[in-house]
Amino acid sequence: MNDYMLIYKGGNKDWMTETSPEEMAEVMGKWGQWMGQLEQKGQLASGGSPLNYEGKRLTGDGMVTDVSLAEIKELVTGYSIVRAESMDEAVHIAKDCPIFLYPDITVEIREVAQIE
């Protein structure tokens, strides 16, 4: 089995502050259920974490700039790492991810390179 990172992009930057506690609990319950199922199948390497929208970008020459919310569609908002036999299986796993309950989300799936 190989590890694949599910990279969550886009979404509503105000979701965390605009969501009621009841809705938040419901959504987090769906995440817990999805991750629990993956864990039972041995397919969860790391549940990952959501990321705040604010951030800094650092270049090799030392330039520091703010991450622009104008780039929200490409902004990485979280990740998970799953275990799968192939990229196709990782894509299949990602299709059931609760991240798709949110509007304007894409998931990039990348195999984690094995460096020996």
PDB file of N, CA and C in Angstrom:
ATOM      1  N   MET A   1       0.841  -1.192   0.000  1.00  0.00           N
ATOM      2  CA  MET A   1       0.000   0.000   0.000  1.00  0.00           C
ATOM      3  C   MET A   1       0.879   1.245   0.000  1.00  0.00           C
ATOM      4  N   ASN A   2       0.378   2.279  -0.633  1.00  0.00           N
ATOM      5  CA  ASN A   2       1.065   3.562  -0.687  1.00  0.00           C
ATOM      6  C   ASN A   2       0.228   4.606   0.027  1.00  0.00           C
ATOM      7  N   ASP A   3       0.882   5.680   0.458  1.00  0.00           N
ATOM      8  CA  ASP A   3       0.181   6.802   1.072  1.00  0.00           C
ATOM      9  C   ASP A   3      -0.133   7.843   0.005  1.00  0.00           C
ATOM     10  N   TYR A   4      -1.327   8.411   0.104  1.00  0.00           N
ATOM     11  CA  TYR A   4      -1.779   9.457  -0.806  1.00  0.00           C
ATOM     12  C   TYR A   4      -2.304  10.615   0.020  1.00  0.00           C
ATOM     13  N   MET A   5      -1.842  11.815  -0.315  1.00  0.00           N
ATOM     14  CA  MET A   5      -2.324  13.000   0.380  1.00  0.00           C
ATOM     15  C   MET A   5      -3.529  13.550  -0.373  1.00  0.00           C
ATOM     16  N   LEU A   6      -4.612  13.764   0.355  1.00  0.00           N
ATOM     17  CA  LEU A   6      -5.792  14.433  -0.184  1.00  0.00           C
ATOM     18  C   LEU A   6      -5.645  15.889   0.229  1.00  0.00           C
ATOM     19  N   ILE A   7      -5.472  16.763  -0.732  1.00  0.00           N
ATOM     20  CA  ILE A   7      -5.243  18.181  -0.472  1.00  0.00           C
ATOM     21  C   ILE A   7      -6.535  18.923  -0.798  1.00  0.00           C
ATOM     22  N   TYR A   8      -7.141  19.510   0.231  1.00  0.00           N
ATOM     23  CA  TYR A   8      -8.431  20.187   0.072  1.00  0.00           C
ATOM     24  C   TYR A   8      -8.188  21.641  -0.305  1.00  0.00           C
ATOM     25  N   LYS A   9      -8.859  22.084  -1.371  1.00  0.00           N
ATOM     26  CA  LYS A   9      -8.670  23.443  -1.866  1.00  0.00           C
ATOM     27  C   LYS A   9     -10.008  24.146  -2.018  1.00  0.00           C
ATOM     28  N   GLY A  10      -9.995  25.456  -1.746  1.00  0.00           N
ATOM     29  CA  GLY A  10     -11.161  26.295  -1.962  1.00  0.00           C
ATOM     30  C   GLY A  10     -12.076  26.318  -0.754  1.00  0.00           C
ATOM     31  N   GLY A  11     -13.310  26.715  -0.990  1.00  0.00           N
ATOM     32  CA  GLY A  11     -14.295  26.757   0.080  1.00  0.00           C
ATOM     33  C   GLY A  11     -14.686  28.171   0.477  1.00  0.00           C
ATOM     34  N   ASN A  12     -15.423  28.255   1.547  1.00  0.00           N
ATOM     35  CA  ASN A  12     -15.933  29.526   2.068  1.00  0.00           C
ATOM     36  C   ASN A  12     -15.081  29.943   3.260  1.00  0.00           C
ATOM     37  N   LYS A  13     -14.346  31.038   3.136  1.00  0.00           N
ATOM     38  CA  LYS A  13     -13.447  31.471   4.201  1.00  0.00           C
ATOM     39  C   LYS A  13     -14.192  31.815   5.488  1.00  0.00           C
ATOM     40  N   ASP A  14     -15.488  32.062   5.416  1.00  0.00           N
ATOM     41  CA  ASP A  14     -16.269  32.443   6.592  1.00  0.00           C
ATOM     42  C   ASP A  14     -17.036  31.274   7.202  1.00  0.00           C
ATOM     43  N   TRP A  15     -16.859  30.069   6.671  1.00  0.00           N
ATOM     44  CA  TRP A  15     -17.652  28.929   7.131  1.00  0.00           C
ATOM     45  C   TRP A  15     -17.504  28.684   8.633  1.00  0.00           C
ATOM     46  N   MET A  16     -16.286  28.736   9.149  1.00  0.00           N
ATOM     47  CA  MET A  16     -16.053  28.434  10.570  1.00  0.00           C
ATOM     48  C   MET A  16     -16.774  29.433  11.477  1.00  0.00           C
ATOM     49  N   THR A  17     -16.868  30.692  11.063  1.00  0.00           N
ATOM     50  CA  THR A  17     -17.498  31.706  11.914  1.00  0.00           C
ATOM     51  C   THR A  17     -18.997  31.820  11.670  1.00  0.00           C
ATOM     52  N   GLU A  18     -19.462  31.395  10.505  1.00  0.00           N
ATOM     53  CA  GLU A  18     -20.881  31.522  10.169  1.00  0.00           C
ATOM     54  C   GLU A  18     -21.702  30.278  10.469  1.00  0.00           C
ATOM     55  N   THR A  19     -21.049  29.184  10.812  1.00  0.00           N
ATOM     56  CA  THR A  19     -21.736  27.917  11.022  1.00  0.00           C
ATOM     57  C   THR A  19     -22.204  27.807  12.467  1.00  0.00           C
ATOM     58  N   SER A  20     -23.437  27.364  12.640  1.00  0.00           N
ATOM     59  CA  SER A  20     -23.985  27.193  13.992  1.00  0.00           C
ATOM     60  C   SER A  20     -23.290  26.010  14.675  1.00  0.00           C
ATOM     61  N   PRO A  21     -23.280  26.004  16.002  1.00  0.00           N
ATOM     62  CA  PRO A  21     -22.690  24.865  16.717  1.00  0.00           C
ATOM     63  C   PRO A  21     -23.346  23.532  16.345  1.00  0.00           C
ATOM     64  N   GLU A  22     -24.647  23.545  16.094  1.00  0.00           N
ATOM     65  CA  GLU A  22     -25.349  22.312  15.724  1.00  0.00           C
ATOM     66  C   GLU A  22     -24.886  21.802  14.355  1.00  0.00           C
ATOM     67  N   GLU A  23     -24.772  22.726  13.399  1.00  0.00           N
ATOM     68  CA  GLU A  23     -24.322  22.334  12.064  1.00  0.00           C
ATOM     69  C   GLU A  23     -22.864  21.867  12.120  1.00  0.00           C
ATOM     70  N   MET A  24     -22.047  22.557  12.904  1.00  0.00           N
ATOM     71  CA  MET A  24     -20.649  22.165  13.054  1.00  0.00           C
ATOM     72  C   MET A  24     -20.555  20.752  13.621  1.00  0.00           C
ATOM     73  N   ALA A  25     -21.351  20.451  14.639  1.00  0.00           N
ATOM     74  CA  ALA A  25     -21.345  19.118  15.248  1.00  0.00           C
ATOM     75  C   ALA A  25     -21.777  18.054  14.238  1.00  0.00           C
ATOM     76  N   GLU A  26     -22.773  18.372  13.427  1.00  0.00           N
ATOM     77  CA  GLU A  26     -23.246  17.421  12.413  1.00  0.00           C
ATOM     78  C   GLU A  26     -22.154  17.128  11.388  1.00  0.00           C
ATOM     79  N   VAL A  27     -21.506  18.184  10.901  1.00  0.00           N
ATOM     80  CA  VAL A  27     -20.448  18.021   9.904  1.00  0.00           C
ATOM     81  C   VAL A  27     -19.265  17.265  10.501  1.00  0.00           C
ATOM     82  N   MET A  28     -18.865  17.618  11.714  1.00  0.00           N
ATOM     83  CA  MET A  28     -17.734  16.932  12.344  1.00  0.00           C
ATOM     84  C   MET A  28     -18.060  15.455  12.598  1.00  0.00           C
ATOM     85  N   GLY A  29     -19.329  15.167  12.868  1.00  0.00           N
ATOM     86  CA  GLY A  29     -19.756  13.780  13.022  1.00  0.00           C
ATOM     87  C   GLY A  29     -19.563  12.995  11.730  1.00  0.00           C
ATOM     88  N   LYS A  30     -19.868  13.636  10.590  1.00  0.00           N
ATOM     89  CA  LYS A  30     -19.681  12.978   9.291  1.00  0.00           C
ATOM     90  C   LYS A  30     -18.198  12.738   9.011  1.00  0.00           C
ATOM     91  N   TRP A  31     -17.356  13.703   9.395  1.00  0.00           N
ATOM     92  CA  TRP A  31     -15.912  13.511   9.243  1.00  0.00           C
ATOM     93  C   TRP A  31     -15.446  12.346  10.118  1.00  0.00           C
ATOM     94  N   GLY A  32     -15.914  12.309  11.350  1.00  0.00           N
ATOM     95  CA  GLY A  32     -15.528  11.230  12.258  1.00  0.00           C
ATOM     96  C   GLY A  32     -15.948   9.872  11.733  1.00  0.00           C
ATOM     97  N   GLN A  33     -17.150   9.801  11.175  1.00  0.00           N
ATOM     98  CA  GLN A  33     -17.644   8.546  10.613  1.00  0.00           C
ATOM     99  C   GLN A  33     -16.792   8.110   9.418  1.00  0.00           C
ATOM    100  N   TRP A  34     -16.499   9.045   8.519  1.00  0.00           N
ATOM    101  CA  TRP A  34     -15.697   8.733   7.333  1.00  0.00           C
ATOM    102  C   TRP A  34     -14.310   8.252   7.740  1.00  0.00           C
ATOM    103  N   MET A  35     -13.678   8.982   8.657  1.00  0.00           N
ATOM    104  CA  MET A  35     -12.333   8.587   9.093  1.00  0.00           C
ATOM    105  C   MET A  35     -12.351   7.272   9.863  1.00  0.00           C
ATOM    106  N   GLY A  36     -13.391   7.052  10.643  1.00  0.00           N
ATOM    107  CA  GLY A  36     -13.517   5.792  11.371  1.00  0.00           C
ATOM    108  C   GLY A  36     -13.615   4.605  10.425  1.00  0.00           C
ATOM    109  N   GLN A  37     -14.382   4.765   9.343  1.00  0.00           N
ATOM    110  CA  GLN A  37     -14.497   3.697   8.355  1.00  0.00           C
ATOM    111  C   GLN A  37     -13.153   3.430   7.677  1.00  0.00           C
ATOM    112  N   LEU A  38     -12.430   4.501   7.348  1.00  0.00           N
ATOM    113  CA  LEU A  38     -11.111   4.331   6.735  1.00  0.00           C
ATOM    114  C   LEU A  38     -10.153   3.646   7.700  1.00  0.00           C
ATOM    115  N   GLU A  39     -10.218   4.032   8.961  1.00  0.00           N
ATOM    116  CA  GLU A  39      -9.336   3.434   9.968  1.00  0.00           C
ATOM    117  C   GLU A  39      -9.610   1.939  10.123  1.00  0.00           C
ATOM    118  N   GLN A  40     -10.880   1.560  10.138  1.00  0.00           N
ATOM    119  CA  GLN A  40     -11.236   0.145  10.251  1.00  0.00           C
ATOM    120  C   GLN A  40     -10.706  -0.672   9.082  1.00  0.00           C
ATOM    121  N   LYS A  41     -10.616  -0.069   7.910  1.00  0.00           N
ATOM    122  CA  LYS A  41     -10.131  -0.757   6.717  1.00  0.00           C
ATOM    123  C   LYS A  41      -8.612  -0.653   6.570  1.00  0.00           C
ATOM    124  N   GLY A  42      -7.949   0.027   7.502  1.00  0.00           N
ATOM    125  CA  GLY A  42      -6.506   0.223   7.399  1.00  0.00           C
ATOM    126  C   GLY A  42      -6.113   1.219   6.323  1.00  0.00           C
ATOM    127  N   GLN A  43      -7.033   2.126   5.975  1.00  0.00           N
ATOM    128  CA  GLN A  43      -6.786   3.073   4.892  1.00  0.00           C
ATOM    129  C   GLN A  43      -6.499   4.492   5.376  1.00  0.00           C
ATOM    130  N   LEU A  44      -6.444   4.718   6.674  1.00  0.00           N
ATOM    131  CA  LEU A  44      -6.198   6.067   7.188  1.00  0.00           C
ATOM    132  C   LEU A  44      -4.784   6.144   7.737  1.00  0.00           C
ATOM    133  N   ALA A  45      -3.942   6.942   7.086  1.00  0.00           N
ATOM    134  CA  ALA A  45      -2.582   7.158   7.582  1.00  0.00           C
ATOM    135  C   ALA A  45      -2.562   8.339   8.545  1.00  0.00           C
ATOM    136  N   SER A  46      -3.318   9.400   8.214  1.00  0.00           N
ATOM    137  CA  SER A  46      -3.414  10.589   9.072  1.00  0.00           C
ATOM    138  C   SER A  46      -4.698  11.320   8.732  1.00  0.00           C
ATOM    139  N   GLY A  47      -5.463  11.651   9.759  1.00  0.00           N
ATOM    140  CA  GLY A  47      -6.684  12.422   9.532  1.00  0.00           C
ATOM    141  C   GLY A  47      -6.399  13.817   9.042  1.00  0.00           C
ATOM    142  N   GLY A  48      -5.167  14.288   9.280  1.00  0.00           N
ATOM    143  CA  GLY A  48      -4.801  15.628   8.838  1.00  0.00           C
ATOM    144  C   GLY A  48      -5.461  16.684   9.690  1.00  0.00           C
ATOM    145  N   SER A  49      -5.577  17.862   9.137  1.00  0.00           N
ATOM    146  CA  SER A  49      -6.151  19.001   9.860  1.00  0.00           C
ATOM    147  C   SER A  49      -6.641  20.041   8.877  1.00  0.00           C
ATOM    148  N   PRO A  50      -7.631  20.829   9.314  1.00  0.00           N
ATOM    149  CA  PRO A  50      -7.986  22.000   8.505  1.00  0.00           C
ATOM    150  C   PRO A  50      -6.907  23.061   8.703  1.00  0.00           C
ATOM    151  N   LEU A  51      -6.789  23.944   7.737  1.00  0.00           N
ATOM    152  CA  LEU A  51      -5.815  25.029   7.811  1.00  0.00           C
ATOM    153  C   LEU A  51      -6.541  26.366   7.796  1.00  0.00           C
ATOM    154  N   ASN A  52      -6.022  27.335   8.536  1.00  0.00           N
ATOM    155  CA  ASN A  52      -6.564  28.684   8.478  1.00  0.00           C
ATOM    156  C   ASN A  52      -6.300  29.281   7.106  1.00  0.00           C
ATOM    157  N   TYR A  53      -7.135  30.211   6.696  1.00  0.00           N
ATOM    158  CA  TYR A  53      -6.985  30.835   5.389  1.00  0.00           C
ATOM    159  C   TYR A  53      -5.818  31.815   5.354  1.00  0.00           C
ATOM    160  N   GLU A  54      -5.525  32.452   6.483  1.00  0.00           N
ATOM    161  CA  GLU A  54      -4.444  33.421   6.505  1.00  0.00           C
ATOM    162  C   GLU A  54      -3.103  32.712   6.510  1.00  0.00           C
ATOM    163  N   GLY A  55      -2.118  33.321   5.894  1.00  0.00           N
ATOM    164  CA  GLY A  55      -0.796  32.731   5.894  1.00  0.00           C
ATOM    165  C   GLY A  55       0.207  33.634   5.213  1.00  0.00           C
ATOM    166  N   LYS A  56       1.416  33.172   5.132  1.00  0.00           N
ATOM    167  CA  LYS A  56       2.514  33.892   4.481  1.00  0.00           C
ATOM    168  C   LYS A  56       3.124  32.989   3.423  1.00  0.00           C
ATOM    169  N   ARG A  57       3.675  33.595   2.400  1.00  0.00           N
ATOM    170  CA  ARG A  57       4.386  32.886   1.350  1.00  0.00           C
ATOM    171  C   ARG A  57       5.832  33.353   1.407  1.00  0.00           C
ATOM    172  N   LEU A  58       6.764  32.411   1.479  1.00  0.00           N
ATOM    173  CA  LEU A  58       8.189  32.704   1.559  1.00  0.00           C
ATOM    174  C   LEU A  58       8.873  32.153   0.319  1.00  0.00           C
ATOM    175  N   THR A  59       9.641  32.988  -0.354  1.00  0.00           N
ATOM    176  CA  THR A  59      10.390  32.538  -1.519  1.00  0.00           C
ATOM    177  C   THR A  59      11.836  32.255  -1.125  1.00  0.00           C
ATOM    178  N   GLY A  60      12.554  31.576  -1.983  1.00  0.00           N
ATOM    179  CA  GLY A  60      13.936  31.214  -1.717  1.00  0.00           C
ATOM    180  C   GLY A  60      14.853  32.403  -1.507  1.00  0.00           C
ATOM    181  N   ASP A  61      14.486  33.557  -2.066  1.00  0.00           N
ATOM    182  CA  ASP A  61      15.324  34.745  -1.883  1.00  0.00           C
ATOM    183  C   ASP A  61      14.935  35.553  -0.642  1.00  0.00           C
ATOM    184  N   GLY A  62      14.035  34.982   0.178  1.00  0.00           N
ATOM    185  CA  GLY A  62      13.670  35.624   1.440  1.00  0.00           C
ATOM    186  C   GLY A  62      12.484  36.563   1.376  1.00  0.00           C
ATOM    187  N   MET A  63      11.834  36.703   0.222  1.00  0.00           N
ATOM    188  CA  MET A  63      10.680  37.596   0.123  1.00  0.00           C
ATOM    189  C   MET A  63       9.484  36.948   0.828  1.00  0.00           C
ATOM    190  N   VAL A  64       8.826  37.735   1.675  1.00  0.00           N
ATOM    191  CA  VAL A  64       7.656  37.273   2.413  1.00  0.00           C
ATOM    192  C   VAL A  64       6.461  38.111   1.978  1.00  0.00           C
ATOM    193  N   THR A  65       5.372  37.432   1.559  1.00  0.00           N
ATOM    194  CA  THR A  65       4.136  38.119   1.188  1.00  0.00           C
ATOM    195  C   THR A  65       2.959  37.421   1.855  1.00  0.00           C
ATOM    196  N   ASP A  66       1.846  38.124   1.957  1.00  0.00           N
ATOM    197  CA  ASP A  66       0.624  37.539   2.496  1.00  0.00           C
ATOM    198  C   ASP A  66       0.019  36.590   1.468  1.00  0.00           C
ATOM    199  N   VAL A  67      -0.586  35.513   1.953  1.00  0.00           N
ATOM    200  CA  VAL A  67      -1.366  34.648   1.084  1.00  0.00           C
ATOM    201  C   VAL A  67      -2.638  35.423   0.749  1.00  0.00           C
ATOM    202  N   SER A  68      -2.963  35.516  -0.517  1.00  0.00           N
ATOM    203  CA  SER A  68      -4.088  36.325  -0.964  1.00  0.00           C
ATOM    204  C   SER A  68      -5.382  35.526  -0.964  1.00  0.00           C
ATOM    205  N   LEU A  69      -6.411  36.088  -0.336  1.00  0.00           N
ATOM    206  CA  LEU A  69      -7.718  35.426  -0.373  1.00  0.00           C
ATOM    207  C   LEU A  69      -8.327  35.506  -1.764  1.00  0.00           C
ATOM    208  N   ALA A  70      -7.759  36.334  -2.631  1.00  0.00           N
ATOM    209  CA  ALA A  70      -8.222  36.363  -4.021  1.00  0.00           C
ATOM    210  C   ALA A  70      -7.926  35.024  -4.693  1.00  0.00           C
ATOM    211  N   GLU A  71      -6.996  34.261  -4.120  1.00  0.00           N
ATOM    212  CA  GLU A  71      -6.622  32.961  -4.677  1.00  0.00           C
ATOM    213  C   GLU A  71      -7.392  31.834  -4.001  1.00  0.00           C
ATOM    214  N   ILE A  72      -8.561  32.124  -3.427  1.00  0.00           N
ATOM    215  CA  ILE A  72      -9.306  31.181  -2.590  1.00  0.00           C
ATOM    216  C   ILE A  72      -9.543  29.844  -3.291  1.00  0.00           C
ATOM    217  N   LYS A  73      -9.778  29.837  -4.587  1.00  0.00           N
ATOM    218  CA  LYS A  73     -10.048  28.581  -5.291  1.00  0.00           C
ATOM    219  C   LYS A  73      -8.836  27.654  -5.257  1.00  0.00           C
ATOM    220  N   GLU A  74      -7.649  28.208  -5.168  1.00  0.00           N
ATOM    221  CA  GLU A  74      -6.425  27.412  -5.140  1.00  0.00           C
ATOM    222  C   GLU A  74      -5.833  27.307  -3.739  1.00  0.00           C
ATOM    223  N   LEU A  75      -6.425  27.977  -2.772  1.00  0.00           N
ATOM    224  CA  LEU A  75      -5.893  27.997  -1.426  1.00  0.00           C
ATOM    225  C   LEU A  75      -6.076  26.644  -0.754  1.00  0.00           C
ATOM    226  N   VAL A  76      -5.003  26.086  -0.226  1.00  0.00           N
ATOM    227  CA  VAL A  76      -5.079  24.811   0.484  1.00  0.00           C
ATOM    228  C   VAL A  76      -5.717  25.059   1.843  1.00  0.00           C
ATOM    229  N   THR A  77      -6.821  24.354   2.115  1.00  0.00           N
ATOM    230  CA  THR A  77      -7.564  24.580   3.348  1.00  0.00           C
ATOM    231  C   THR A  77      -7.500  23.399   4.309  1.00  0.00           C
ATOM    232  N   GLY A  78      -6.844  22.323   3.895  1.00  0.00           N
ATOM    233  CA  GLY A  78      -6.692  21.171   4.777  1.00  0.00           C
ATOM    234  C   GLY A  78      -6.169  19.977   4.012  1.00  0.00           C
ATOM    235  N   TYR A  79      -5.987  18.887   4.749  1.00  0.00           N
ATOM    236  CA  TYR A  79      -5.449  17.681   4.120  1.00  0.00           C
ATOM    237  C   TYR A  79      -5.778  16.458   4.967  1.00  0.00           C
ATOM    238  N   SER A  80      -5.690  15.309   4.345  1.00  0.00           N
ATOM    239  CA  SER A  80      -5.722  14.004   4.996  1.00  0.00           C
ATOM    240  C   SER A  80      -4.764  13.117   4.224  1.00  0.00           C
ATOM    241  N   ILE A  81      -4.295  12.050   4.852  1.00  0.00           N
ATOM    242  CA  ILE A  81      -3.441  11.091   4.159  1.00  0.00           C
ATOM    243  C   ILE A  81      -4.088   9.719   4.287  1.00  0.00           C
ATOM    244  N   VAL A  82      -4.332   9.101   3.125  1.00  0.00           N
ATOM    245  CA  VAL A  82      -4.961   7.783   3.093  1.00  0.00           C
ATOM    246  C   VAL A  82      -3.992   6.767   2.517  1.00  0.00           C
ATOM    247  N   ARG A  83      -4.273   5.499   2.773  1.00  0.00           N
ATOM    248  CA  ARG A  83      -3.475   4.396   2.226  1.00  0.00           C
ATOM    249  C   ARG A  83      -4.317   3.678   1.185  1.00  0.00           C
ATOM    250  N   ALA A  84      -3.686   3.427   0.040  1.00  0.00           N
ATOM    251  CA  ALA A  84      -4.405   2.753  -1.047  1.00  0.00           C
ATOM    252  C   ALA A  84      -3.413   1.959  -1.890  1.00  0.00           C
ATOM    253  N   GLU A  85      -3.940   0.991  -2.621  1.00  0.00           N
ATOM    254  CA  GLU A  85      -3.118   0.157  -3.498  1.00  0.00           C
ATOM    255  C   GLU A  85      -2.726   0.888  -4.774  1.00  0.00           C
ATOM    256  N   SER A  86      -3.526   1.898  -5.165  1.00  0.00           N
ATOM    257  CA  SER A  86      -3.269   2.598  -6.427  1.00  0.00           C
ATOM    258  C   SER A  86      -3.880   3.997  -6.372  1.00  0.00           C
ATOM    259  N   MET A  87      -3.509   4.821  -7.348  1.00  0.00           N
ATOM    260  CA  MET A  87      -4.106   6.153  -7.467  1.00  0.00           C
ATOM    261  C   MET A  87      -5.611   6.031  -7.678  1.00  0.00           C
ATOM    262  N   ASP A  88      -6.035   5.069  -8.482  1.00  0.00           N
ATOM    263  CA  ASP A  88      -7.475   4.888  -8.713  1.00  0.00           C
ATOM    264  C   ASP A  88      -8.208   4.594  -7.411  1.00  0.00           C
ATOM    265  N   GLU A  89      -7.622   3.757  -6.561  1.00  0.00           N
ATOM    266  CA  GLU A  89      -8.260   3.461  -5.281  1.00  0.00           C
ATOM    267  C   GLU A  89      -8.283   4.710  -4.395  1.00  0.00           C
ATOM    268  N   ALA A  90      -7.218   5.506  -4.425  1.00  0.00           N
ATOM    269  CA  ALA A  90      -7.184   6.748  -3.636  1.00  0.00           C
ATOM    270  C   ALA A  90      -8.266   7.718  -4.109  1.00  0.00           C
ATOM    271  N   VAL A  91      -8.456   7.801  -5.408  1.00  0.00           N
ATOM    272  CA  VAL A  91      -9.525   8.646  -5.958  1.00  0.00           C
ATOM    273  C   VAL A  91     -10.881   8.143  -5.478  1.00  0.00           C
ATOM    274  N   HIS A  92     -11.078   6.835  -5.495  1.00  0.00           N
ATOM    275  CA  HIS A  92     -12.334   6.242  -5.021  1.00  0.00           C
ATOM    276  C   HIS A  92     -12.577   6.588  -3.547  1.00  0.00           C
ATOM    277  N   ILE A  93     -11.535   6.499  -2.732  1.00  0.00           N
ATOM    278  CA  ILE A  93     -11.647   6.854  -1.312  1.00  0.00           C
ATOM    279  C   ILE A  93     -12.035   8.317  -1.178  1.00  0.00           C
ATOM    280  N   ALA A  94     -11.395   9.182  -1.944  1.00  0.00           N
ATOM    281  CA  ALA A  94     -11.644  10.630  -1.849  1.00  0.00           C
ATOM    282  C   ALA A  94     -13.071  10.998  -2.232  1.00  0.00           C
ATOM    283  N   LYS A  95     -13.685  10.235  -3.113  1.00  0.00           N
ATOM    284  CA  LYS A  95     -15.047  10.556  -3.564  1.00  0.00           C
ATOM    285  C   LYS A  95     -16.050  10.568  -2.415  1.00  0.00           C
ATOM    286  N   ASP A  96     -15.788   9.807  -1.353  1.00  0.00           N
ATOM    287  CA  ASP A  96     -16.707   9.750  -0.215  1.00  0.00           C
ATOM    288  C   ASP A  96     -16.364  10.761   0.876  1.00  0.00           C
ATOM    289  N   CYS A  97     -15.372  11.590   0.638  1.00  0.00           N
ATOM    290  CA  CYS A  97     -14.907  12.540   1.652  1.00  0.00           C
ATOM    291  C   CYS A  97     -15.982  13.595   1.950  1.00  0.00           C
ATOM    292  N   PRO A  98     -16.219  13.876   3.226  1.00  0.00           N
ATOM    293  CA  PRO A  98     -17.209  14.882   3.592  1.00  0.00           C
ATOM    294  C   PRO A  98     -16.848  16.302   3.159  1.00  0.00           C
ATOM    295  N   ILE A  99     -15.639  16.531   2.682  1.00  0.00           N
ATOM    296  CA  ILE A  99     -15.258  17.874   2.217  1.00  0.00           C
ATOM    297  C   ILE A  99     -16.189  18.345   1.109  1.00  0.00           C
ATOM    298  N   PHE A 100     -16.763  17.383   0.365  1.00  0.00           N
ATOM    299  CA  PHE A 100     -17.638  17.759  -0.734  1.00  0.00           C
ATOM    300  C   PHE A 100     -19.019  18.240  -0.268  1.00  0.00           C
ATOM    301  N   LEU A 101     -19.245  18.261   1.051  1.00  0.00           N
ATOM    302  CA  LEU A 101     -20.454  18.880   1.590  1.00  0.00           C
ATOM    303  C   LEU A 101     -20.371  20.401   1.487  1.00  0.00           C
ATOM    304  N   TYR A 102     -19.170  20.920   1.313  1.00  0.00           N
ATOM    305  CA  TYR A 102     -18.945  22.357   1.226  1.00  0.00           C
ATOM    306  C   TYR A 102     -18.934  22.773  -0.246  1.00  0.00           C
ATOM    307  N   PRO A 103     -19.396  23.991  -0.550  1.00  0.00           N
ATOM    308  CA  PRO A 103     -19.369  24.438  -1.950  1.00  0.00           C
ATOM    309  C   PRO A 103     -17.956  24.833  -2.386  1.00  0.00           C
ATOM    310  N   ASP A 104     -17.735  24.775  -3.674  1.00  0.00           N
ATOM    311  CA  ASP A 104     -16.502  25.277  -4.297  1.00  0.00           C
ATOM    312  C   ASP A 104     -15.233  24.612  -3.777  1.00  0.00           C
ATOM    313  N   ILE A 105     -15.289  23.315  -3.560  1.00  0.00           N
ATOM    314  CA  ILE A 105     -14.132  22.558  -3.064  1.00  0.00           C
ATOM    315  C   ILE A 105     -13.603  21.659  -4.174  1.00  0.00           C
ATOM    316  N   THR A 106     -12.300  21.541  -4.244  1.00  0.00           N
ATOM    317  CA  THR A 106     -11.671  20.522  -5.067  1.00  0.00           C
ATOM    318  C   THR A 106     -10.708  19.748  -4.179  1.00  0.00           C
ATOM    319  N   VAL A 107     -10.430  18.533  -4.560  1.00  0.00           N
ATOM    320  CA  VAL A 107      -9.468  17.708  -3.836  1.00  0.00           C
ATOM    321  C   VAL A 107      -8.386  17.278  -4.821  1.00  0.00           C
ATOM    322  N   GLU A 108      -7.161  17.627  -4.486  1.00  0.00           N
ATOM    323  CA  GLU A 108      -6.010  17.177  -5.266  1.00  0.00           C
ATOM    324  C   GLU A 108      -5.460  15.936  -4.573  1.00  0.00           C
ATOM    325  N   ILE A 109      -5.186  14.906  -5.322  1.00  0.00           N
ATOM    326  CA  ILE A 109      -4.700  13.643  -4.765  1.00  0.00           C
ATOM    327  C   ILE A 109      -3.291  13.418  -5.279  1.00  0.00           C
ATOM    328  N   ARG A 110      -2.356  13.285  -4.343  1.00  0.00           N
ATOM    329  CA  ARG A 110      -0.952  13.129  -4.696  1.00  0.00           C
ATOM    330  C   ARG A 110      -0.353  11.967  -3.927  1.00  0.00           C
ATOM    331  N   GLU A 111       0.375  11.110  -4.629  1.00  0.00           N
ATOM    332  CA  GLU A 111       1.059  10.011  -3.956  1.00  0.00           C
ATOM    333  C   GLU A 111       2.243  10.576  -3.171  1.00  0.00           C
ATOM    334  N   VAL A 112       2.396  10.109  -1.943  1.00  0.00           N
ATOM    335  CA  VAL A 112       3.531  10.505  -1.115  1.00  0.00           C
ATOM    336  C   VAL A 112       4.734   9.688  -1.581  1.00  0.00           C
ATOM    337  N   ALA A 113       5.777  10.375  -1.995  1.00  0.00           N
ATOM    338  CA  ALA A 113       6.965   9.697  -2.520  1.00  0.00           C
ATOM    339  C   ALA A 113       7.683   8.937  -1.399  1.00  0.00           C
ATOM    340  N   GLN A 114       8.142   7.755  -1.724  1.00  0.00           N
ATOM    341  CA  GLN A 114       8.906   6.938  -0.804  1.00  0.00           C
ATOM    342  C   GLN A 114      10.390   7.187  -1.068  1.00  0.00           C
ATOM    343  N   ILE A 115      11.064   7.829  -0.138  1.00  0.00           N
ATOM    344  CA  ILE A 115      12.487   8.126  -0.305  1.00  0.00           C
ATOM    345  C   ILE A 115      13.265   7.161   0.584  1.00  0.00           C
ATOM    346  N   GLU A 116      14.148   6.430  -0.023  1.00  0.00           N
ATOM    347  CA  GLU A 116      14.921   5.431   0.715  1.00  0.00           C
ATOM    348  C   GLU A 116      16.386   5.763   0.712  1.00  0.00           C
TER     349      GLU A 116
END
